[in-house]
């Protein structure tokens, strides 16, 4: 089952694994985050009541049975290359 408020399943451009795009609560739904499609006990992202992804910096076990947790795909992608930012001139 995919989390609410996600787009269609797509493929990661680095490793070609399946990913879901979830709208983030921090951006009030304007930005999206790639998630591994299957819930996991080690994930630090859960979906709030509005269907937006919420990242916990220190995941607790409080919502363990109530909400599924997901892992951001950039944390598990074997080929992920973070963007390199160039200073402005």
Protein backbone atom coordinates (compact mmCIF):
# COMPACT_ATOMS: atom_id res chain seq x y z
CA UNK A 1 0.00 0.00 0.00
CA UNK A 2 1.41 3.37 -0.92
CA UNK A 3 1.19 6.39 1.38
CA UNK A 4 -1.51 8.95 0.77
CA UNK A 5 -0.75 12.07 -1.26
CA UNK A 6 1.94 10.45 -3.38
CA UNK A 7 2.31 10.56 -7.09
CA UNK A 8 2.64 7.53 -9.31
CA UNK A 9 5.47 5.10 -8.78
CA UNK A 10 8.50 6.09 -10.81
CA UNK A 11 12.11 4.96 -11.12
CA UNK A 12 15.20 6.46 -9.46
CA UNK A 13 17.48 8.07 -12.03
CA UNK A 14 20.59 6.77 -10.23
CA UNK A 15 19.72 3.12 -9.47
CA UNK A 16 16.43 2.58 -11.38
CA UNK A 17 14.64 1.17 -8.31
CA UNK A 18 10.97 1.97 -7.77
CA UNK A 19 10.27 5.12 -5.73
CA UNK A 20 7.23 7.08 -4.55
CA UNK A 21 7.11 10.87 -4.45
CA UNK A 22 5.45 12.18 -1.28
CA UNK A 23 4.52 15.81 -0.68
CA UNK A 24 6.30 17.13 2.43
CA UNK A 25 4.63 18.75 5.43
CA UNK A 26 7.62 21.08 5.93
CA UNK A 27 6.87 22.76 2.61
CA UNK A 28 3.10 22.67 3.13
CA UNK A 29 2.86 20.16 0.30
CA UNK A 30 4.82 22.21 -2.26
CA UNK A 31 7.95 20.03 -2.33
CA UNK A 32 8.21 16.30 -2.81
CA UNK A 33 10.53 13.69 -1.33
CA UNK A 34 11.46 10.33 -2.89
CA UNK A 35 10.54 7.39 -0.65
CA UNK A 36 11.21 3.69 -0.85
CA UNK A 37 7.77 2.27 -1.70
CA UNK A 38 7.60 -0.33 1.07
CA UNK A 39 7.10 0.59 4.74
CA UNK A 40 9.93 -0.32 7.13
CA UNK A 41 10.44 -0.31 10.90
CA UNK A 42 13.70 1.61 10.45
CA UNK A 43 12.15 4.46 8.45
CA UNK A 44 12.06 8.02 9.78
CA UNK A 45 9.25 9.37 7.58
CA UNK A 46 5.55 8.98 8.30
CA UNK A 47 2.44 10.44 6.72
CA UNK A 48 0.48 12.98 8.81
CA UNK A 49 -3.31 13.32 8.89
CA UNK A 50 -3.15 15.57 5.81
CA UNK A 51 -1.28 12.88 3.84
CA UNK A 52 2.03 14.78 3.87
CA UNK A 53 5.43 13.28 4.64
CA UNK A 54 6.87 14.21 8.04
CA UNK A 55 10.55 13.53 8.77
CA UNK A 56 11.51 12.71 12.34
CA UNK A 57 15.12 13.41 13.24
CA UNK A 58 14.92 10.92 16.12
CA UNK A 59 12.21 8.41 15.26
CA UNK A 60 10.19 7.26 18.24
CA UNK A 61 8.27 4.06 18.64
CA UNK A 62 5.12 5.92 19.72
CA UNK A 63 3.37 5.64 16.36
CA UNK A 64 4.81 2.24 15.51
CA UNK A 65 1.52 0.37 15.28
CA UNK A 66 -0.57 3.30 14.14
CA UNK A 67 1.38 4.70 11.20
CA UNK A 68 3.63 3.11 8.65
CA UNK A 69 7.14 4.46 8.40
CA UNK A 70 9.03 4.95 5.17
CA UNK A 71 12.69 5.46 4.34
CA UNK A 72 13.77 8.38 2.14
CA UNK A 73 15.18 6.83 -1.01
CA UNK A 74 18.31 8.98 -1.03
CA UNK A 75 19.26 7.23 2.24
CA UNK A 76 19.13 3.77 0.64
CA UNK A 77 20.08 4.44 -2.99
CA UNK A 78 23.38 2.69 -3.73
CA UNK A 79 24.24 5.13 -6.53
CA UNK A 80 22.99 8.44 -5.10
CA UNK A 81 25.19 11.42 -5.84
CA UNK A 82 24.35 14.51 -3.76
CA UNK A 83 24.21 17.76 -5.69
CA UNK A 84 27.37 19.84 -5.75
CA UNK A 85 26.68 23.49 -5.12
CA UNK A 86 28.98 26.06 -6.63
CA UNK A 87 29.51 29.35 -4.75
CA UNK A 88 28.10 32.42 -6.43
CA UNK A 89 30.57 34.68 -8.14
